[in-house]
Amino acid sequence: MTPFATTFAVTPLEFIRALRLNEARRLLTTARANGLSVTAIAMDLG
């Protein structure tokens, strides 16, 4: 196991994926108020 995986209990890729999904969730819950579309959020976060 890498030091990262030992410290965070996930691989770096899983960690980054979780960060992106959490940001997508946050943006989607406020999308209407912010004037964002699902497409725009998806494009911004990859």
C-alpha atoms as a PDB file:
ATOM      1  CA  MET A   1       0.000   0.000   0.000  1.00  0.00           C
ATOM      2  CA  THR A   2       1.162   3.515  -0.741  1.00  0.00           C
ATOM      3  CA  PRO A   3       1.530   6.050   2.058  1.00  0.00           C
ATOM      4  CA  PHE A   4      -1.432   7.927   0.573  1.00  0.00           C
ATOM      5  CA  ALA A   5      -3.653   4.849   0.617  1.00  0.00           C
ATOM      6  CA  THR A   6      -2.523   4.030   4.142  1.00  0.00           C
ATOM      7  CA  THR A   7      -3.333   7.531   5.369  1.00  0.00           C
ATOM      8  CA  PHE A   8      -6.652   8.052   3.579  1.00  0.00           C
ATOM      9  CA  ALA A   9      -7.805   4.414   3.192  1.00  0.00           C
ATOM     10  CA  VAL A  10      -8.416   4.945  -0.546  1.00  0.00           C
ATOM     11  CA  THR A  11      -6.243   5.187  -3.633  1.00  0.00           C
ATOM     12  CA  PRO A  12      -5.385   8.637  -5.021  1.00  0.00           C
ATOM     13  CA  LEU A  13      -7.756   8.047  -7.950  1.00  0.00           C
ATOM     14  CA  GLU A  14     -10.631   7.130  -5.628  1.00  0.00           C
ATOM     15  CA  PHE A  15      -9.897  10.222  -3.529  1.00  0.00           C
ATOM     16  CA  ILE A  16      -9.965  12.545  -6.551  1.00  0.00           C
ATOM     17  CA  ARG A  17     -13.124  10.885  -7.879  1.00  0.00           C
ATOM     18  CA  ALA A  18     -14.846  11.406  -4.517  1.00  0.00           C
ATOM     19  CA  LEU A  19     -13.822  15.081  -4.479  1.00  0.00           C
ATOM     20  CA  ARG A  20     -15.239  15.599  -7.976  1.00  0.00           C
ATOM     21  CA  LEU A  21     -18.484  13.792  -7.150  1.00  0.00           C
ATOM     22  CA  ASN A  22     -18.936  15.807  -3.961  1.00  0.00           C
ATOM     23  CA  GLU A  23     -18.406  19.040  -5.894  1.00  0.00           C
ATOM     24  CA  ALA A  24     -20.867  17.896  -8.567  1.00  0.00           C
ATOM     25  CA  ARG A  25     -23.439  17.093  -5.876  1.00  0.00           C
ATOM     26  CA  ARG A  26     -22.950  20.516  -4.286  1.00  0.00           C
ATOM     27  CA  LEU A  27     -23.290  22.324  -7.613  1.00  0.00           C
ATOM     28  CA  LEU A  28     -26.319  20.284  -8.675  1.00  0.00           C
ATOM     29  CA  THR A  29     -28.179  21.076  -5.458  1.00  0.00           C
ATOM     30  CA  THR A  30     -27.700  24.801  -6.103  1.00  0.00           C
ATOM     31  CA  ALA A  31     -27.762  24.706  -9.914  1.00  0.00           C
ATOM     32  CA  ARG A  32     -31.060  26.517 -10.338  1.00  0.00           C
ATOM     33  CA  ALA A  33     -30.065  29.335  -7.987  1.00  0.00           C
ATOM     34  CA  ASN A  34     -26.695  29.682  -9.718  1.00  0.00           C
ATOM     35  CA  GLY A  35     -28.067  29.368 -13.241  1.00  0.00           C
ATOM     36  CA  LEU A  36     -25.958  26.301 -14.003  1.00  0.00           C
ATOM     37  CA  SER A  37     -27.039  23.466 -16.257  1.00  0.00           C
ATOM     38  CA  VAL A  38     -26.246  19.816 -15.687  1.00  0.00           C
ATOM     39  CA  THR A  39     -24.220  19.906 -18.897  1.00  0.00           C
ATOM     40  CA  ALA A  40     -22.155  22.874 -17.705  1.00  0.00           C
ATOM     41  CA  ILE A  41     -21.436  21.178 -14.390  1.00  0.00           C
ATOM     42  CA  ALA A  42     -20.447  17.941 -16.123  1.00  0.00           C
ATOM     43  CA  MET A  43     -18.150  19.767 -18.523  1.00  0.00           C
ATOM     44  CA  ASP A  44     -16.515  21.750 -15.713  1.00  0.00           C
ATOM     45  CA  LEU A  45     -15.829  18.697 -13.573  1.00  0.00           C
ATOM     46  CA  GLY A  46     -14.974  16.244 -16.316  1.00  0.00           C
END
